C-alpha cells in the first residue's frame, strides 16, 4: 500500500483541474456543471463553480489521506486477495481504523499492482454511508490522477447541498416508479486540463 502512495499525489505538490460533473440521482434533475478543483499538500481541497456542484467532498480526496497514513498507528491495512476489474488483476486491500470513534468504518481498495493506481475504492463512513468510486486513467497515469471518476452513493446517507430542494429522504407510496425507488445515485466526473506543481497560494483555500 505504501508503494501505491507513490502514484497518488506523493509526487504532486499541488494541482488544478477542470471538472465536468453530471448527476444521476433520484428526484433531482440537474444539467451537467463545470467546476475547477484545487488541491494542495497536505489535504487542502477546494471546488469552485458558478452553479451548485454536487460531489462527495470528503471522499473525493480522502483516499489520499488514507494511503499517506496507512503505515501509521491510525489504520491497519490488510490484503484480502485478488480480484479482476475487467481484464486487470487487482490486489484488494482493506484499511481498518484503529479508533472506534473514527468516522470511517472501513475502506476497501482495488489496486492495480502493475500501474500502482487504485481502480476502485469503497469507503464506508458513519456520516455518509457507503460510497463506491471507480477510476479510469489516461493523461496523468504517471501521477495516479484519474481522468474519470464515477461515484455510487447511498441516498439515505448522502448529504446534498442546502441549495437543492428534494424529498429523497421521505417515504414514498408503493405506486412510485422503479426509477424513484432507487436506493443509490451516481455522480460522474470528467477531469481535464490538469496543471501540476505550478504553485497555489494558500489564500485560494480561504476564500
N, C-alpha and C. Protein backbone atom coordinates (compact mmCIF):
# COMPACT_ATOMS: atom_id res chain seq x y z
N UNK A 1 0.83 -1.19 0.00
CA UNK A 1 0.00 0.00 0.00
C UNK A 1 0.87 1.26 0.00
N UNK A 2 2.03 1.18 0.61
CA UNK A 2 2.93 2.33 0.62
C UNK A 2 3.45 2.61 -0.78
N UNK A 3 3.67 1.55 -1.56
CA UNK A 3 4.14 1.73 -2.94
C UNK A 3 3.08 2.42 -3.77
N UNK A 4 1.82 2.08 -3.52
CA UNK A 4 0.73 2.71 -4.24
C UNK A 4 0.71 4.21 -3.98
N UNK A 5 1.08 4.61 -2.78
CA UNK A 5 1.07 6.03 -2.42
C UNK A 5 1.96 6.85 -3.34
N UNK A 6 3.03 6.23 -3.89
CA UNK A 6 3.94 6.96 -4.75
C UNK A 6 3.25 7.43 -6.01
N UNK A 7 2.13 6.80 -6.37
CA UNK A 7 1.40 7.20 -7.56
C UNK A 7 0.18 8.02 -7.22
N UNK A 8 -0.02 8.34 -5.96
CA UNK A 8 -1.22 9.06 -5.55
C UNK A 8 -0.85 10.34 -4.81
N UNK A 9 -0.47 11.35 -5.60
CA UNK A 9 -0.19 12.69 -5.11
C UNK A 9 1.12 12.82 -4.33
N UNK A 10 1.83 11.74 -4.07
CA UNK A 10 3.04 11.88 -3.28
C UNK A 10 4.10 12.68 -4.04
N UNK A 11 4.04 12.68 -5.39
CA UNK A 11 4.94 13.48 -6.20
C UNK A 11 4.23 14.74 -6.69
N UNK A 12 2.99 14.91 -6.29
CA UNK A 12 2.20 16.07 -6.69
C UNK A 12 2.06 17.01 -5.50
N UNK A 13 2.70 18.17 -5.58
CA UNK A 13 2.60 19.15 -4.51
C UNK A 13 1.27 19.89 -4.56
N UNK A 14 0.80 20.15 -5.79
CA UNK A 14 -0.49 20.81 -5.96
C UNK A 14 -0.97 20.59 -7.39
N UNK A 15 -2.25 20.81 -7.59
CA UNK A 15 -2.78 20.79 -8.96
C UNK A 15 -4.10 21.55 -9.01
N UNK A 16 -4.41 22.01 -10.23
CA UNK A 16 -5.75 22.48 -10.55
C UNK A 16 -6.23 21.66 -11.74
N UNK A 17 -7.53 21.47 -11.83
CA UNK A 17 -8.09 20.68 -12.92
C UNK A 17 -9.52 21.12 -13.18
N UNK A 18 -9.92 21.10 -14.45
CA UNK A 18 -11.29 21.41 -14.83
C UNK A 18 -12.14 20.15 -14.68
N UNK A 19 -13.31 20.31 -14.12
CA UNK A 19 -14.19 19.17 -13.88
C UNK A 19 -15.56 19.41 -14.50
N UNK A 20 -16.10 18.37 -15.12
CA UNK A 20 -17.48 18.37 -15.58
C UNK A 20 -18.23 17.34 -14.75
N UNK A 21 -19.25 17.80 -14.04
CA UNK A 21 -19.94 16.96 -13.07
C UNK A 21 -21.36 16.69 -13.53
N UNK A 22 -21.68 15.43 -13.66
CA UNK A 22 -23.03 15.03 -14.10
C UNK A 22 -23.68 14.21 -12.99
N UNK A 23 -24.91 14.55 -12.67
CA UNK A 23 -25.62 13.92 -11.56
C UNK A 23 -26.70 12.98 -12.09
N UNK A 24 -26.74 11.77 -11.54
CA UNK A 24 -27.82 10.81 -11.83
C UNK A 24 -28.36 10.33 -10.50
N UNK A 25 -29.24 11.15 -9.92
CA UNK A 25 -29.76 10.92 -8.57
C UNK A 25 -31.28 10.98 -8.61
N UNK A 26 -31.97 10.05 -7.93
CA UNK A 26 -33.43 10.08 -7.89
C UNK A 26 -33.96 11.42 -7.37
N UNK A 27 -35.04 11.91 -7.98
CA UNK A 27 -35.77 13.11 -7.56
C UNK A 27 -35.06 14.41 -7.92
N UNK A 28 -33.87 14.34 -8.53
CA UNK A 28 -33.15 15.57 -8.85
C UNK A 28 -32.82 15.61 -10.33
N UNK A 29 -33.19 16.69 -10.99
CA UNK A 29 -32.85 16.90 -12.38
C UNK A 29 -31.93 18.11 -12.47
N UNK A 30 -30.71 17.88 -12.86
CA UNK A 30 -29.73 18.96 -12.98
C UNK A 30 -28.93 18.80 -14.25
N UNK A 31 -28.66 19.91 -14.91
CA UNK A 31 -27.76 19.89 -16.06
C UNK A 31 -26.33 19.67 -15.57
N UNK A 32 -25.45 19.13 -16.42
CA UNK A 32 -24.05 18.99 -16.03
C UNK A 32 -23.45 20.34 -15.62
N UNK A 33 -22.58 20.30 -14.64
CA UNK A 33 -21.98 21.51 -14.07
C UNK A 33 -20.48 21.50 -14.32
N UNK A 34 -19.94 22.66 -14.72
CA UNK A 34 -18.49 22.81 -14.86
C UNK A 34 -17.93 23.44 -13.60
N UNK A 35 -16.76 22.95 -13.18
CA UNK A 35 -16.14 23.46 -11.95
C UNK A 35 -14.62 23.40 -12.10
N UNK A 36 -13.94 24.07 -11.19
CA UNK A 36 -12.48 23.97 -11.12
C UNK A 36 -12.13 23.45 -9.73
N UNK A 37 -11.25 22.47 -9.71
CA UNK A 37 -10.84 21.84 -8.46
C UNK A 37 -9.39 22.22 -8.16
N UNK A 38 -9.15 22.59 -6.90
CA UNK A 38 -7.80 22.93 -6.43
C UNK A 38 -7.39 21.93 -5.37
N UNK A 39 -6.14 21.47 -5.43
CA UNK A 39 -5.60 20.59 -4.40
C UNK A 39 -4.18 21.02 -4.08
N UNK A 40 -3.86 21.00 -2.78
CA UNK A 40 -2.50 21.30 -2.35
C UNK A 40 -2.16 20.45 -1.15
N UNK A 41 -0.96 19.93 -1.12
CA UNK A 41 -0.49 19.16 0.04
C UNK A 41 -0.43 20.06 1.28
N UNK A 42 -0.82 19.57 2.49
CA UNK A 42 -1.49 18.30 2.63
C UNK A 42 -2.97 18.53 2.82
N UNK A 43 -3.73 17.90 1.97
CA UNK A 43 -5.19 17.83 2.11
C UNK A 43 -5.93 19.16 2.03
N UNK A 44 -5.33 20.16 1.39
CA UNK A 44 -6.09 21.36 1.07
C UNK A 44 -6.87 21.09 -0.21
N UNK A 45 -8.17 21.36 -0.17
CA UNK A 45 -9.04 20.96 -1.27
C UNK A 45 -10.16 21.98 -1.43
N UNK A 46 -10.42 22.38 -2.68
CA UNK A 46 -11.49 23.35 -2.93
C UNK A 46 -12.10 23.14 -4.30
N UNK A 47 -13.41 23.34 -4.38
CA UNK A 47 -14.14 23.27 -5.64
C UNK A 47 -14.78 24.62 -5.88
N UNK A 48 -14.53 25.20 -7.06
CA UNK A 48 -15.16 26.46 -7.45
C UNK A 48 -16.08 26.23 -8.64
N UNK A 49 -17.30 26.75 -8.54
CA UNK A 49 -18.25 26.61 -9.63
C UNK A 49 -19.27 27.74 -9.55
N UNK A 50 -19.75 28.21 -10.72
CA UNK A 50 -20.77 29.24 -10.75
C UNK A 50 -22.15 28.65 -10.45
N UNK A 51 -22.25 27.32 -10.54
CA UNK A 51 -23.50 26.64 -10.22
C UNK A 51 -23.29 25.76 -9.00
N UNK A 52 -24.34 25.13 -8.52
CA UNK A 52 -24.22 24.20 -7.40
C UNK A 52 -23.56 22.92 -7.89
N UNK A 53 -22.42 22.58 -7.33
CA UNK A 53 -21.69 21.37 -7.70
C UNK A 53 -21.91 20.31 -6.62
N UNK A 54 -22.42 19.18 -7.01
CA UNK A 54 -22.69 18.09 -6.06
C UNK A 54 -21.62 17.03 -6.22
N UNK A 55 -20.86 16.81 -5.18
CA UNK A 55 -19.89 15.72 -5.18
C UNK A 55 -19.54 15.39 -3.73
N UNK A 56 -19.17 14.13 -3.49
CA UNK A 56 -18.81 13.73 -2.13
C UNK A 56 -17.44 14.27 -1.76
N UNK A 57 -17.42 15.51 -1.25
CA UNK A 57 -16.16 16.20 -0.99
C UNK A 57 -15.23 15.40 -0.10
N UNK A 58 -15.77 14.84 0.98
CA UNK A 58 -14.92 14.11 1.94
C UNK A 58 -14.25 12.93 1.27
N UNK A 59 -15.02 12.21 0.42
CA UNK A 59 -14.48 11.01 -0.20
C UNK A 59 -13.65 11.32 -1.44
N UNK A 60 -13.77 12.55 -1.96
CA UNK A 60 -13.04 12.90 -3.16
C UNK A 60 -11.54 12.84 -2.94
N UNK A 61 -11.08 13.37 -1.80
CA UNK A 61 -9.65 13.35 -1.54
C UNK A 61 -9.27 12.54 -0.31
N UNK A 62 -10.24 11.81 0.26
CA UNK A 62 -9.94 11.03 1.46
C UNK A 62 -9.00 9.86 1.14
N UNK A 63 -9.06 9.36 -0.10
CA UNK A 63 -8.19 8.26 -0.49
C UNK A 63 -6.72 8.65 -0.31
N UNK A 64 -6.38 9.91 -0.65
CA UNK A 64 -5.01 10.39 -0.49
C UNK A 64 -4.58 10.36 0.96
N UNK A 65 -5.44 10.88 1.83
CA UNK A 65 -5.12 10.92 3.26
C UNK A 65 -4.96 9.52 3.83
N UNK A 66 -5.81 8.61 3.42
CA UNK A 66 -5.74 7.24 3.92
C UNK A 66 -4.44 6.56 3.52
N UNK A 67 -4.08 6.68 2.26
CA UNK A 67 -2.88 5.99 1.78
C UNK A 67 -1.62 6.60 2.36
N UNK A 68 -1.64 7.91 2.61
CA UNK A 68 -0.46 8.55 3.20
C UNK A 68 -0.28 8.17 4.66
N UNK A 69 -1.38 7.78 5.33
CA UNK A 69 -1.32 7.44 6.75
C UNK A 69 -1.45 5.93 7.02
N UNK A 70 -1.42 5.13 5.93
CA UNK A 70 -1.68 3.70 6.08
C UNK A 70 -0.63 2.99 6.92
N UNK A 71 0.59 3.55 7.00
CA UNK A 71 1.64 2.89 7.76
C UNK A 71 1.71 3.38 9.21
N UNK A 72 0.81 4.28 9.58
CA UNK A 72 0.82 4.82 10.94
C UNK A 72 -0.12 4.01 11.82
N UNK A 73 -0.13 4.35 13.09
CA UNK A 73 -0.92 3.59 14.06
C UNK A 73 -2.42 3.83 13.94
N UNK A 74 -2.81 4.80 13.10
CA UNK A 74 -4.23 5.14 13.00
C UNK A 74 -5.02 4.12 12.18
N UNK A 75 -4.34 3.35 11.32
CA UNK A 75 -5.02 2.40 10.46
C UNK A 75 -4.26 1.08 10.39
N UNK A 76 -5.02 0.02 10.13
CA UNK A 76 -4.42 -1.29 9.86
C UNK A 76 -4.79 -1.68 8.43
N UNK A 77 -3.79 -2.01 7.62
CA UNK A 77 -4.02 -2.39 6.23
C UNK A 77 -3.84 -3.90 6.07
N UNK A 78 -4.82 -4.54 5.45
CA UNK A 78 -4.79 -5.99 5.25
C UNK A 78 -5.08 -6.32 3.79
N UNK A 79 -4.27 -7.17 3.19
CA UNK A 79 -4.53 -7.66 1.84
C UNK A 79 -5.49 -8.84 1.94
N UNK A 80 -6.63 -8.73 1.26
CA UNK A 80 -7.65 -9.77 1.39
C UNK A 80 -7.76 -10.67 0.17
N UNK A 81 -6.91 -10.45 -0.85
CA UNK A 81 -6.94 -11.33 -2.01
C UNK A 81 -6.79 -10.58 -3.31
N UNK A 82 -7.18 -11.24 -4.39
CA UNK A 82 -7.09 -10.67 -5.73
C UNK A 82 -8.46 -10.71 -6.40
N UNK A 83 -8.70 -9.74 -7.27
CA UNK A 83 -9.98 -9.68 -7.96
C UNK A 83 -9.78 -8.98 -9.29
N UNK A 84 -10.43 -9.46 -10.33
CA UNK A 84 -10.33 -8.84 -11.64
C UNK A 84 -11.31 -7.69 -11.78
N UNK A 85 -10.83 -6.59 -12.31
CA UNK A 85 -11.69 -5.50 -12.77
C UNK A 85 -11.50 -5.42 -14.27
N UNK A 86 -12.48 -5.89 -15.01
CA UNK A 86 -12.30 -6.06 -16.44
C UNK A 86 -11.25 -7.12 -16.69
N UNK A 87 -10.22 -6.75 -17.42
CA UNK A 87 -9.13 -7.69 -17.70
C UNK A 87 -7.93 -7.47 -16.78
N UNK A 88 -8.06 -6.56 -15.83
CA UNK A 88 -6.94 -6.24 -14.94
C UNK A 88 -7.06 -6.97 -13.62
N UNK A 89 -6.01 -7.67 -13.24
CA UNK A 89 -5.97 -8.35 -11.95
C UNK A 89 -5.54 -7.34 -10.89
N UNK A 90 -6.37 -7.18 -9.86
CA UNK A 90 -6.06 -6.21 -8.82
C UNK A 90 -5.84 -6.89 -7.47
N UNK A 91 -5.11 -6.22 -6.61
CA UNK A 91 -4.93 -6.64 -5.23
C UNK A 91 -5.93 -5.88 -4.37
N UNK A 92 -6.69 -6.61 -3.57
CA UNK A 92 -7.73 -5.99 -2.74
C UNK A 92 -7.14 -5.72 -1.35
N UNK A 93 -7.18 -4.45 -0.95
CA UNK A 93 -6.62 -4.03 0.34
C UNK A 93 -7.72 -3.43 1.20
N UNK A 94 -7.86 -3.93 2.42
CA UNK A 94 -8.80 -3.36 3.38
C UNK A 94 -8.04 -2.50 4.39
N UNK A 95 -8.58 -1.33 4.67
CA UNK A 95 -7.98 -0.45 5.68
C UNK A 95 -8.99 -0.25 6.80
N UNK A 96 -8.59 -0.59 8.00
CA UNK A 96 -9.48 -0.55 9.16
C UNK A 96 -8.94 0.47 10.16
N UNK A 97 -9.75 1.43 10.58
CA UNK A 97 -9.29 2.41 11.57
C UNK A 97 -9.02 1.75 12.92
N UNK A 98 -8.01 2.22 13.61
CA UNK A 98 -7.69 1.67 14.93
C UNK A 98 -8.63 2.21 16.00
N UNK A 99 -9.20 3.39 15.76
CA UNK A 99 -10.06 4.03 16.75
C UNK A 99 -11.53 3.73 16.48
N UNK A 100 -12.27 3.43 17.54
CA UNK A 100 -13.70 3.19 17.41
C UNK A 100 -14.48 4.48 17.19
N UNK A 101 -13.84 5.61 17.42
CA UNK A 101 -14.51 6.90 17.28
C UNK A 101 -14.32 7.51 15.89
N UNK A 102 -13.58 6.83 15.03
CA UNK A 102 -13.35 7.35 13.68
C UNK A 102 -14.64 7.36 12.88
N UNK A 103 -14.82 8.40 12.05
CA UNK A 103 -16.00 8.45 11.18
C UNK A 103 -15.92 7.34 10.14
N UNK A 104 -14.71 7.02 9.71
CA UNK A 104 -14.53 5.93 8.75
C UNK A 104 -14.68 4.59 9.44
N UNK A 105 -15.50 3.73 8.86
CA UNK A 105 -15.71 2.38 9.40
C UNK A 105 -14.79 1.38 8.70
N UNK A 106 -14.73 1.46 7.36
CA UNK A 106 -13.92 0.53 6.58
C UNK A 106 -13.63 1.15 5.22
N UNK A 107 -12.40 0.97 4.75
CA UNK A 107 -12.02 1.37 3.40
C UNK A 107 -11.51 0.14 2.66
N UNK A 108 -11.92 0.03 1.42
CA UNK A 108 -11.52 -1.11 0.60
C UNK A 108 -11.01 -0.58 -0.73
N UNK A 109 -9.81 -1.03 -1.14
CA UNK A 109 -9.20 -0.55 -2.37
C UNK A 109 -8.85 -1.71 -3.29
N UNK A 110 -9.12 -1.53 -4.57
CA UNK A 110 -8.72 -2.47 -5.60
C UNK A 110 -7.54 -1.84 -6.33
N UNK A 111 -6.34 -2.36 -6.10
CA UNK A 111 -5.11 -1.73 -6.58
C UNK A 111 -4.54 -2.50 -7.76
N UNK A 112 -4.22 -1.77 -8.83
CA UNK A 112 -3.52 -2.36 -9.96
C UNK A 112 -2.03 -2.37 -9.61
N UNK A 113 -1.44 -3.52 -9.31
CA UNK A 113 -0.05 -3.55 -8.85
C UNK A 113 0.96 -3.21 -9.94
N UNK A 114 0.57 -3.34 -11.21
CA UNK A 114 1.49 -3.02 -12.30
C UNK A 114 1.59 -1.52 -12.53
N UNK A 115 0.45 -0.84 -12.47
CA UNK A 115 0.43 0.60 -12.70
C UNK A 115 0.52 1.40 -11.41
N UNK A 116 0.39 0.73 -10.26
CA UNK A 116 0.44 1.40 -8.95
C UNK A 116 -0.65 2.47 -8.81
N UNK A 117 -1.87 2.11 -9.22
CA UNK A 117 -3.00 3.02 -9.07
C UNK A 117 -4.20 2.25 -8.52
N UNK A 118 -5.11 2.99 -7.92
CA UNK A 118 -6.35 2.41 -7.41
C UNK A 118 -7.41 2.49 -8.50
N UNK A 119 -7.99 1.35 -8.86
CA UNK A 119 -9.02 1.32 -9.89
C UNK A 119 -10.42 1.45 -9.31
N UNK A 120 -10.56 1.07 -8.04
CA UNK A 120 -11.87 1.16 -7.40
C UNK A 120 -11.65 1.28 -5.90
N UNK A 121 -12.53 2.02 -5.25
CA UNK A 121 -12.48 2.13 -3.79
C UNK A 121 -13.89 2.09 -3.24
N UNK A 122 -14.00 1.62 -2.02
CA UNK A 122 -15.29 1.59 -1.33
C UNK A 122 -15.06 2.07 0.09
N UNK A 123 -15.61 3.23 0.42
CA UNK A 123 -15.44 3.81 1.74
C UNK A 123 -16.77 3.80 2.46
N UNK A 124 -16.78 3.22 3.65
CA UNK A 124 -17.97 3.20 4.49
C UNK A 124 -17.72 4.06 5.71
N UNK A 125 -18.55 5.10 5.86
CA UNK A 125 -18.40 6.01 7.00
C UNK A 125 -19.71 6.14 7.74
N UNK A 126 -19.64 6.59 8.96
CA UNK A 126 -20.85 6.76 9.76
C UNK A 126 -21.69 7.93 9.25
N UNK A 127 -21.04 8.92 8.68
CA UNK A 127 -21.77 10.13 8.28
C UNK A 127 -22.38 10.04 6.89
N UNK A 128 -21.72 9.33 5.96
CA UNK A 128 -22.18 9.31 4.58
C UNK A 128 -22.49 7.92 4.04
N UNK A 129 -22.52 6.91 4.90
CA UNK A 129 -22.82 5.56 4.43
C UNK A 129 -21.70 5.03 3.55
N UNK A 130 -22.06 4.23 2.55
CA UNK A 130 -21.06 3.61 1.68
C UNK A 130 -21.02 4.33 0.34
N UNK A 131 -19.81 4.71 -0.08
CA UNK A 131 -19.61 5.34 -1.38
C UNK A 131 -18.59 4.51 -2.15
N UNK A 132 -19.02 4.01 -3.30
CA UNK A 132 -18.16 3.24 -4.19
C UNK A 132 -17.66 4.16 -5.30
N UNK A 133 -16.36 4.15 -5.56
CA UNK A 133 -15.78 5.02 -6.57
C UNK A 133 -14.96 4.20 -7.56
N UNK A 134 -15.18 4.45 -8.85
CA UNK A 134 -14.43 3.79 -9.91
C UNK A 134 -13.59 4.84 -10.64
N UNK A 135 -12.35 4.50 -10.94
CA UNK A 135 -11.40 5.44 -11.52
C UNK A 135 -10.89 4.92 -12.86
N UNK A 136 -10.77 5.81 -13.85
CA UNK A 136 -10.07 5.48 -15.09
C UNK A 136 -8.99 6.53 -15.31
N UNK A 137 -7.87 6.10 -15.89
CA UNK A 137 -6.69 6.95 -16.02
C UNK A 137 -6.27 7.05 -17.48
N UNK A 138 -5.67 8.19 -17.79
CA UNK A 138 -5.12 8.38 -19.14
C UNK A 138 -3.97 9.37 -19.09
N UNK A 139 -4.29 10.66 -19.13
CA UNK A 139 -3.26 11.69 -19.30
C UNK A 139 -2.30 11.80 -18.12
N UNK A 140 -2.78 11.51 -16.90
CA UNK A 140 -1.95 11.69 -15.71
C UNK A 140 -1.75 10.37 -14.96
N UNK A 141 -1.70 9.28 -15.70
CA UNK A 141 -1.50 7.96 -15.08
C UNK A 141 -0.22 7.92 -14.25
N UNK A 142 0.83 8.56 -14.74
CA UNK A 142 2.11 8.56 -14.04
C UNK A 142 1.99 9.10 -12.62
N UNK A 143 1.07 10.06 -12.43
CA UNK A 143 0.89 10.67 -11.12
C UNK A 143 -0.29 10.09 -10.36
N UNK A 144 -0.95 9.11 -10.94
CA UNK A 144 -2.08 8.48 -10.27
C UNK A 144 -3.31 9.36 -10.20
N UNK A 145 -3.42 10.33 -11.11
CA UNK A 145 -4.57 11.23 -11.11
C UNK A 145 -5.54 10.79 -12.20
N UNK A 146 -6.80 10.55 -11.88
CA UNK A 146 -7.75 9.99 -12.84
C UNK A 146 -8.28 11.03 -13.82
N UNK A 147 -8.74 10.53 -14.97
CA UNK A 147 -9.43 11.37 -15.95
C UNK A 147 -10.94 11.27 -15.79
N UNK A 148 -11.39 10.17 -15.21
CA UNK A 148 -12.81 9.97 -14.97
C UNK A 148 -13.02 9.31 -13.62
N UNK A 149 -14.07 9.75 -12.92
CA UNK A 149 -14.46 9.13 -11.66
C UNK A 149 -15.97 8.93 -11.66
N UNK A 150 -16.40 7.78 -11.18
CA UNK A 150 -17.83 7.52 -11.05
C UNK A 150 -18.09 7.14 -9.59
N UNK A 151 -18.89 7.95 -8.91
CA UNK A 151 -19.26 7.70 -7.52
C UNK A 151 -20.65 7.05 -7.48
N UNK A 152 -20.78 5.96 -6.76
CA UNK A 152 -22.09 5.39 -6.46
C UNK A 152 -22.36 5.65 -4.99
N UNK A 153 -23.44 6.40 -4.72
CA UNK A 153 -23.68 6.89 -3.37
C UNK A 153 -24.95 6.30 -2.77
N UNK A 154 -24.95 6.17 -1.46
CA UNK A 154 -26.10 5.69 -0.70
C UNK A 154 -27.01 6.89 -0.42
N UNK A 155 -28.19 6.93 -1.06
CA UNK A 155 -29.04 8.10 -0.99
C UNK A 155 -29.60 8.35 0.41
N UNK A 156 -29.69 7.33 1.25
CA UNK A 156 -30.21 7.52 2.59
C UNK A 156 -29.23 8.27 3.49
N UNK A 157 -27.95 8.20 3.14
CA UNK A 157 -26.92 8.80 3.99
C UNK A 157 -26.28 10.04 3.39
N UNK A 158 -26.28 10.12 2.05
CA UNK A 158 -25.52 11.17 1.39
C UNK A 158 -26.13 12.54 1.66
N UNK A 159 -25.28 13.52 2.00
CA UNK A 159 -25.74 14.87 2.32
C UNK A 159 -25.65 15.76 1.08
N UNK A 160 -26.80 16.23 0.62
CA UNK A 160 -26.86 17.10 -0.53
C UNK A 160 -26.70 18.56 -0.09
N UNK A 161 -26.20 19.43 -0.98
CA UNK A 161 -26.09 20.85 -0.63
C UNK A 161 -27.44 21.44 -0.25
N UNK A 162 -27.43 22.43 0.63
CA UNK A 162 -28.67 23.02 1.13
C UNK A 162 -29.47 23.71 0.03
N UNK A 163 -28.79 24.12 -1.05
CA UNK A 163 -29.48 24.83 -2.12
C UNK A 163 -30.32 23.95 -3.00
N UNK A 164 -30.26 22.63 -2.79
CA UNK A 164 -31.03 21.71 -3.61
C UNK A 164 -32.24 21.24 -2.83
N UNK A 165 -33.40 21.51 -3.36
CA UNK A 165 -34.64 21.08 -2.70
C UNK A 165 -35.00 19.70 -3.21
N UNK A 166 -35.18 18.75 -2.30
CA UNK A 166 -35.51 17.38 -2.69
C UNK A 166 -36.21 16.67 -1.55
N UNK A 167 -36.99 15.66 -1.89
CA UNK A 167 -37.70 14.88 -0.88
C UNK A 167 -37.23 13.43 -0.90
N UNK A 168 -35.94 13.23 -1.22
CA UNK A 168 -35.45 11.86 -1.38
C UNK A 168 -35.41 11.10 -0.07
N UNK A 169 -35.46 11.78 1.08
CA UNK A 169 -35.41 11.08 2.36
C UNK A 169 -36.80 10.79 2.92
N UNK A 170 -37.83 11.15 2.18
CA UNK A 170 -39.18 10.90 2.66
C UNK A 170 -39.70 9.57 2.16
N UNK A 171 -40.75 9.05 2.81
CA UNK A 171 -41.32 7.77 2.40
C UNK A 171 -42.29 7.99 1.25
N UNK A 172 -42.16 7.23 0.19
CA UNK A 172 -42.98 7.37 -0.99
C UNK A 172 -44.01 6.25 -1.06
N UNK A 173 -45.16 6.49 -1.70
CA UNK A 173 -46.15 5.44 -1.85
C UNK A 173 -45.66 4.33 -2.75
N UNK A 174 -46.26 3.15 -2.61
CA UNK A 174 -45.82 1.98 -3.36
C UNK A 174 -46.07 2.11 -4.85
N UNK A 175 -46.88 3.12 -5.25
CA UNK A 175 -47.18 3.30 -6.66
C UNK A 175 -46.09 4.03 -7.41
N UNK A 176 -45.02 4.43 -6.72
CA UNK A 176 -43.96 5.16 -7.38
C UNK A 176 -43.25 4.28 -8.39
N UNK A 177 -42.61 4.92 -9.36
CA UNK A 177 -41.94 4.20 -10.43
C UNK A 177 -40.65 3.58 -9.91
N UNK A 178 -40.17 2.51 -10.58
CA UNK A 178 -38.90 1.89 -10.16
C UNK A 178 -37.76 2.87 -10.10
N UNK A 179 -37.75 3.88 -11.01
CA UNK A 179 -36.68 4.88 -11.01
C UNK A 179 -36.63 5.61 -9.68
N UNK A 180 -37.78 5.95 -9.13
CA UNK A 180 -37.81 6.69 -7.88
C UNK A 180 -37.60 5.79 -6.67
N UNK A 181 -37.60 4.48 -6.86
CA UNK A 181 -37.35 3.55 -5.77
C UNK A 181 -35.87 3.24 -5.60
N UNK A 182 -35.05 3.80 -6.50
CA UNK A 182 -33.62 3.53 -6.42
C UNK A 182 -33.03 4.00 -5.10
N UNK A 183 -32.20 3.16 -4.53
CA UNK A 183 -31.55 3.48 -3.27
C UNK A 183 -30.19 4.14 -3.48
N UNK A 184 -29.66 4.01 -4.71
CA UNK A 184 -28.35 4.56 -5.00
C UNK A 184 -28.43 5.63 -6.09
N UNK A 185 -27.51 6.55 -6.05
CA UNK A 185 -27.36 7.53 -7.10
C UNK A 185 -25.93 7.50 -7.62
N UNK A 186 -25.70 8.16 -8.74
CA UNK A 186 -24.35 8.19 -9.33
C UNK A 186 -23.95 9.62 -9.64
N UNK A 187 -22.66 9.88 -9.45
CA UNK A 187 -22.07 11.16 -9.82
C UNK A 187 -20.91 10.86 -10.77
N UNK A 188 -20.99 11.42 -11.98
CA UNK A 188 -19.96 11.21 -12.99
C UNK A 188 -19.10 12.47 -13.10
N UNK A 189 -17.79 12.30 -12.99
CA UNK A 189 -16.89 13.45 -13.05
C UNK A 189 -15.82 13.20 -14.11
N UNK A 190 -15.76 14.12 -15.09
CA UNK A 190 -14.70 14.10 -16.10
C UNK A 190 -13.70 15.19 -15.76
N UNK A 191 -12.42 14.84 -15.74
CA UNK A 191 -11.36 15.76 -15.34
C UNK A 191 -10.44 16.03 -16.52
N UNK A 192 -10.13 17.30 -16.76
CA UNK A 192 -9.29 17.66 -17.91
C UNK A 192 -8.46 18.89 -17.57
N UNK A 193 -7.40 19.08 -18.35
CA UNK A 193 -6.53 20.27 -18.24
C UNK A 193 -5.86 20.36 -16.86
N UNK A 194 -5.27 19.25 -16.44
CA UNK A 194 -4.51 19.27 -15.19
C UNK A 194 -3.34 20.25 -15.29
N UNK A 195 -3.13 21.01 -14.23
CA UNK A 195 -1.95 21.86 -14.08
C UNK A 195 -1.25 21.42 -12.80
N UNK A 196 -0.11 20.75 -12.95
CA UNK A 196 0.58 20.14 -11.82
C UNK A 196 1.75 20.98 -11.34
N UNK A 197 1.86 21.09 -10.01
CA UNK A 197 3.03 21.69 -9.37
C UNK A 197 3.37 23.08 -9.91
N UNK A 198 2.32 23.88 -10.14
CA UNK A 198 2.52 25.25 -10.60
C UNK A 198 2.58 26.24 -9.43
N UNK A 199 2.22 25.74 -8.26
CA UNK A 199 2.17 26.60 -7.09
C UNK A 199 0.79 27.22 -6.92
N UNK A 200 0.17 26.99 -5.77
CA UNK A 200 -1.14 27.55 -5.47
C UNK A 200 -1.07 28.25 -4.12
N UNK A 201 -1.49 29.50 -4.09
CA UNK A 201 -1.47 30.28 -2.85
C UNK A 201 -2.47 29.70 -1.84
N UNK A 202 -2.10 29.73 -0.57
CA UNK A 202 -3.00 29.26 0.47
C UNK A 202 -4.27 30.10 0.56
N UNK A 203 -4.21 31.33 0.06
CA UNK A 203 -5.37 32.19 0.10
C UNK A 203 -6.52 31.65 -0.74
N UNK A 204 -6.21 30.85 -1.75
CA UNK A 204 -7.26 30.23 -2.59
C UNK A 204 -8.21 29.42 -1.73
N UNK A 205 -7.69 28.75 -0.71
CA UNK A 205 -8.50 27.84 0.09
C UNK A 205 -9.21 28.56 1.23
N UNK A 206 -8.94 29.86 1.38
CA UNK A 206 -9.57 30.65 2.44
C UNK A 206 -10.74 31.47 1.92
N UNK A 207 -10.88 31.56 0.59
CA UNK A 207 -11.94 32.37 0.02
C UNK A 207 -13.27 31.68 0.18
